[in-house]
C-alpha atoms as a PDB file:
ATOM      1  CA  MET A   1     -65.546  67.014  80.688  1.00  0.00           C
ATOM      2  CA  SER A   2     -64.761  64.692  83.599  1.00  0.00           C
ATOM      3  CA  ASP A   3     -61.260  63.377  84.170  1.00  0.00           C
ATOM      4  CA  CYS A   4     -60.113  60.290  86.081  1.00  0.00           C
ATOM      5  CA  HIS A   5     -59.532  62.219  89.307  1.00  0.00           C
ATOM      6  CA  GLU A   6     -63.047  63.662  89.226  1.00  0.00           C
ATOM      7  CA  VAL A   7     -64.562  60.226  88.550  1.00  0.00           C
ATOM      8  CA  HIS A   8     -62.625  58.762  91.486  1.00  0.00           C
ATOM      9  CA  GLN A   9     -63.763  61.618  93.759  1.00  0.00           C
ATOM     10  CA  ARG A  10     -67.434  61.216  92.809  1.00  0.00           C
ATOM     11  CA  LEU A  11     -67.508  57.448  92.293  1.00  0.00           C
ATOM     12  CA  TYR A  12     -69.776  56.555  95.210  1.00  0.00           C
ATOM     13  CA  LEU A  13     -72.135  59.444  94.514  1.00  0.00           C
ATOM     14  CA  TYR A  14     -72.382  58.103  90.969  1.00  0.00           C
ATOM     15  CA  LEU A  15     -72.942  54.502  92.074  1.00  0.00           C
ATOM     16  CA  ASP A  16     -75.499  55.567  94.697  1.00  0.00           C
ATOM     17  CA  ARG A  17     -77.340  57.666  92.095  1.00  0.00           C
ATOM     18  CA  GLU A  18     -76.877  60.865  94.068  1.00  0.00           C
ATOM     19  CA  LEU A  19     -75.722  63.076  91.197  1.00  0.00           C
ATOM     20  CA  LEU A  20     -77.687  65.381  88.954  1.00  0.00           C
ATOM     21  CA  PRO A  21     -78.634  63.884  85.567  1.00  0.00           C
ATOM     22  CA  GLU A  22     -76.122  66.064  83.704  1.00  0.00           C
ATOM     23  CA  GLU A  23     -73.351  64.959  86.079  1.00  0.00           C
ATOM     24  CA  VAL A  24     -74.254  61.314  85.499  1.00  0.00           C
ATOM     25  CA  ILE A  25     -74.062  61.814  81.732  1.00  0.00           C
ATOM     26  CA  GLU A  26     -70.681  63.515  82.021  1.00  0.00           C
ATOM     27  CA  ILE A  27     -69.191  60.778  84.204  1.00  0.00           C
ATOM     28  CA  ARG A  28     -70.746  58.003  82.126  1.00  0.00           C
ATOM     29  CA  GLN A  29     -69.182  59.456  78.966  1.00  0.00           C
ATOM     30  CA  HIS A  30     -65.785  59.446  80.641  1.00  0.00           C
ATOM     31  CA  ILE A  31     -66.237  55.879  81.909  1.00  0.00           C
ATOM     32  CA  LEU A  32     -67.140  54.651  78.433  1.00  0.00           C
ATOM     33  CA  ASN A  33     -63.929  56.164  77.037  1.00  0.00           C
ATOM     34  CA  CYS A  34     -61.524  55.273  79.860  1.00  0.00           C
ATOM     35  CA  LYS A  35     -60.680  51.618  80.398  1.00  0.00           C
ATOM     36  CA  GLU A  36     -59.211  52.179  83.880  1.00  0.00           C
ATOM     37  CA  CYS A  37     -62.256  54.069  85.160  1.00  0.00           C
ATOM     38  CA  PHE A  38     -64.599  51.559  83.511  1.00  0.00           C
ATOM     39  CA  GLU A  39     -62.835  48.716  85.332  1.00  0.00           C
ATOM     40  CA  LEU A  40     -62.911  50.634  88.630  1.00  0.00           C
ATOM     41  CA  VAL A  41     -66.637  51.357  88.330  1.00  0.00           C
ATOM     42  CA  SER A  42     -67.345  47.746  87.360  1.00  0.00           C
ATOM     43  CA  PHE A  43     -65.379  46.435  90.325  1.00  0.00           C
ATOM     44  CA  GLU A  44     -66.885  48.816  92.888  1.00  0.00           C
ATOM     45  CA  SER A  45     -70.379  48.217  91.525  1.00  0.00           C
ATOM     46  CA  GLY A  46     -69.853  44.476  91.922  1.00  0.00           C
ATOM     47  CA  VAL A  47     -68.666  44.901  95.512  1.00  0.00           C
ATOM     48  CA  ILE A  48     -71.724  47.006  96.365  1.00  0.00           C
ATOM     49  CA  LYS A  49     -74.058  44.415  94.817  1.00  0.00           C
ATOM     50  CA  LEU A  50     -72.330  41.637  96.749  1.00  0.00           C
ATOM     51  CA  ILE A  51     -72.629  43.509 100.029  1.00  0.00           C
ATOM     52  CA  LYS A  52     -76.298  44.289  99.429  1.00  0.00           C
ATOM     53  CA  ARG A  53     -76.999  40.671  98.512  1.00  0.00           C
ATOM     54  CA  ASP A  54     -75.149  39.091 101.422  1.00  0.00           C
ATOM     55  CA  CYS A  55     -75.567  41.678 104.161  1.00  0.00           C
ATOM     56  CA  GLY A  56     -78.570  43.778 103.291  1.00  0.00           C
ATOM     57  CA  CYS A  57     -81.394  41.429 104.132  1.00  0.00           C
ATOM     58  CA  ASP A  58     -80.710  40.527 107.753  1.00  0.00           C
ATOM     59  CA  LYS A  59     -83.129  42.133 110.196  1.00  0.00           C
ATOM     60  CA  ALA A  60     -82.654  42.555 113.894  1.00  0.00           C
ATOM     61  CA  PRO A  61     -85.026  40.488 116.030  1.00  0.00           C
ATOM     62  CA  ASP A  62     -87.920  42.426 117.584  1.00  0.00           C
ATOM     63  CA  HIS A  63     -86.679  41.804 121.139  1.00  0.00           C
ATOM     64  CA  LEU A  64     -83.321  43.364 120.268  1.00  0.00           C
ATOM     65  CA  LYS A  65     -84.985  46.417 118.713  1.00  0.00           C
ATOM     66  CA  ALA A  66     -87.158  46.852 121.817  1.00  0.00           C
ATOM     67  CA  ARG A  67     -84.132  46.584 124.125  1.00  0.00           C
ATOM     68  CA  ILE A  68     -82.160  49.164 122.131  1.00  0.00           C
ATOM     69  CA  LYS A  69     -85.129  51.564 122.118  1.00  0.00           C
ATOM     70  CA  SER A  70     -85.490  51.125 125.869  1.00  0.00           C
ATOM     71  CA  ILE A  71     -81.818  51.867 126.469  1.00  0.00           C
ATOM     72  CA  LEU A  72     -81.936  54.934 124.207  1.00  0.00           C
ATOM     73  CA  LYS A  73     -84.998  56.308 126.024  1.00  0.00           C
ATOM     74  CA  LYS A  74     -83.204  56.008 129.372  1.00  0.00           C
ATOM     75  CA  LYS A  75     -80.026  57.620 128.055  1.00  0.00           C
ATOM     76  CA  THR A  76     -79.724  61.327 128.775  1.00  0.00           C
ATOM     77  CA  TYR A  77     -77.376  63.572 126.865  1.00  0.00           C
END
């Protein structure tokens, strides 16, 4: 059984769908029974959707990509 601390620790793994199915079920059950965690997940999920909507679709121009690749090829480590 998940508790609030565990949900907070694994929140982004949960939102990014990086947990095993049984872990998702366990956290989801806790969220459905805990108002504070439900509100936290709802808020963070909304922020992620907003970021993806407003910032996730910009692409770098081809000339910028080419310049960065050129610089990286010249760089020695």
